[in-house]
C-alpha atoms as a PDB file:
ATOM      1  CA  MET A   1       0.000   0.000   0.000  1.00  0.00           C
ATOM      2  CA  ASP A   2       1.242   3.395  -0.895  1.00  0.00           C
ATOM      3  CA  ILE A   3       0.889   6.329   1.482  1.00  0.00           C
ATOM      4  CA  SER A   4      -0.222   8.571  -1.389  1.00  0.00           C
ATOM      5  CA  ILE A   5      -3.566   6.746  -1.502  1.00  0.00           C
ATOM      6  CA  LEU A   6      -4.267   7.878   2.061  1.00  0.00           C
ATOM      7  CA  PHE A   7      -3.372  11.448   1.145  1.00  0.00           C
ATOM      8  CA  LYS A   8      -5.715  11.276  -1.862  1.00  0.00           C
ATOM      9  CA  MET A   9      -8.563  10.054   0.344  1.00  0.00           C
ATOM     10  CA  ALA A  10      -7.879  12.832   2.839  1.00  0.00           C
ATOM     11  CA  ALA A  11      -7.835  15.394   0.027  1.00  0.00           C
ATOM     12  CA  ILE A  12     -11.177  14.100  -1.253  1.00  0.00           C
ATOM     13  CA  GLY A  13     -12.594  14.412   2.262  1.00  0.00           C
ATOM     14  CA  ILE A  14     -11.347  17.978   2.663  1.00  0.00           C
ATOM     15  CA  ILE A  15     -12.691  19.030  -0.747  1.00  0.00           C
ATOM     16  CA  ILE A  16     -16.084  17.435  -0.070  1.00  0.00           C
ATOM     17  CA  THR A  17     -16.253  19.123   3.333  1.00  0.00           C
ATOM     18  CA  VAL A  18     -15.513  22.553   1.850  1.00  0.00           C
ATOM     19  CA  ILE A  19     -18.075  22.074  -0.908  1.00  0.00           C
ATOM     20  CA  CYS A  20     -20.705  20.932   1.606  1.00  0.00           C
ATOM     21  CA  GLN A  21     -20.055  23.929   3.852  1.00  0.00           C
ATOM     22  CA  ILE A  22     -20.399  26.320   0.919  1.00  0.00           C
ATOM     23  CA  LEU A  23     -23.622  24.652  -0.182  1.00  0.00           C
ATOM     24  CA  LYS A  24     -25.059  24.700   3.346  1.00  0.00           C
ATOM     25  CA  LYS A  25     -24.296  28.408   3.715  1.00  0.00           C
ATOM     26  CA  SER A  26     -26.210  29.069   0.497  1.00  0.00           C
ATOM     27  CA  ASP A  27     -29.242  27.058   1.742  1.00  0.00           C
ATOM     28  CA  ARG A  28     -28.650  24.105  -0.578  1.00  0.00           C
ATOM     29  CA  ASP A  29     -28.779  21.385   2.079  1.00  0.00           C
ATOM     30  CA  ASP A  30     -30.197  18.770  -0.287  1.00  0.00           C
ATOM     31  CA  ILE A  31     -27.346  19.184  -2.773  1.00  0.00           C
ATOM     32  CA  ALA A  32     -24.809  19.221   0.076  1.00  0.00           C
ATOM     33  CA  THR A  33     -26.132  15.863   1.242  1.00  0.00           C
ATOM     34  CA  LEU A  34     -25.885  14.508  -2.287  1.00  0.00           C
ATOM     35  CA  VAL A  35     -22.291  15.744  -2.612  1.00  0.00           C
ATOM     36  CA  SER A  36     -21.301  14.096   0.661  1.00  0.00           C
ATOM     37  CA  ILE A  37     -22.866  10.798  -0.444  1.00  0.00           C
ATOM     38  CA  VAL A  38     -20.996  10.975  -3.758  1.00  0.00           C
ATOM     39  CA  GLY A  39     -17.734  11.602  -1.889  1.00  0.00           C
ATOM     40  CA  LEU A  40     -18.397   8.610   0.341  1.00  0.00           C
ATOM     41  CA  VAL A  41     -19.099   6.398  -2.666  1.00  0.00           C
ATOM     42  CA  ILE A  42     -15.857   7.501  -4.341  1.00  0.00           C
ATOM     43  CA  VAL A  43     -13.780   6.711  -1.259  1.00  0.00           C
ATOM     44  CA  LEU A  44     -15.569   3.389  -0.735  1.00  0.00           C
ATOM     45  CA  ALA A  45     -14.862   2.427  -4.355  1.00  0.00           C
ATOM     46  CA  VAL A  46     -11.157   3.044  -3.764  1.00  0.00           C
ATOM     47  CA  VAL A  47     -11.227   1.022  -0.531  1.00  0.00           C
ATOM     48  CA  VAL A  48     -13.054  -1.888  -2.174  1.00  0.00           C
ATOM     49  CA  GLY A  49     -10.446  -1.923  -4.938  1.00  0.00           C
ATOM     50  CA  MET A  50      -7.675  -1.999  -2.355  1.00  0.00           C
ATOM     51  CA  ILE A  51      -9.352  -4.870  -0.490  1.00  0.00           C
ATOM     52  CA  GLY A  52      -9.656  -6.780  -3.769  1.00  0.00           C
ATOM     53  CA  ASP A  53      -5.940  -6.271  -4.383  1.00  0.00           C
ATOM     54  CA  LEU A  54      -5.217  -7.475  -0.849  1.00  0.00           C
ATOM     55  CA  PHE A  55      -7.161 -10.706  -1.364  1.00  0.00           C
ATOM     56  CA  GLN A  56      -5.427 -11.247  -4.695  1.00  0.00           C
ATOM     57  CA  GLU A  57      -2.042 -10.804  -3.028  1.00  0.00           C
ATOM     58  CA  ILE A  58      -2.973 -13.218  -0.221  1.00  0.00           C
ATOM     59  CA  LYS A  59      -4.131 -15.725  -2.801  1.00  0.00           C
ATOM     60  CA  THR A  60      -0.823 -15.408  -4.647  1.00  0.00           C
ATOM     61  CA  ILE A  61       1.292 -15.666  -1.501  1.00  0.00           C
ATOM     62  CA  PHE A  62      -0.369 -18.821  -0.188  1.00  0.00           C
ATOM     63  CA  GLY A  63      -0.939 -20.391  -3.617  1.00  0.00           C
ATOM     64  CA  LEU A  64      -4.675 -20.644  -3.129  1.00  0.00           C
ATOM     65  CA  SER A  65      -7.060 -21.057  -6.035  1.00  0.00           C
ATOM     66  CA  TRP A  66     -10.675 -20.283  -5.184  1.00  0.00           C
END
């Protein structure tokens, strides 16, 4: 795992937070909620990909074939 992935996830979180705060200040709470959900889905997609890579690596290390 590379540390840059964690920095990218943190950057996505900071950007989403700033966008949500701006939208909430302009009385766009519904769009702010949608933006936060989209940010969560993006980060979860990255995490699921990393977990898939982890299982593939474990399978390779132990010589398992599922």
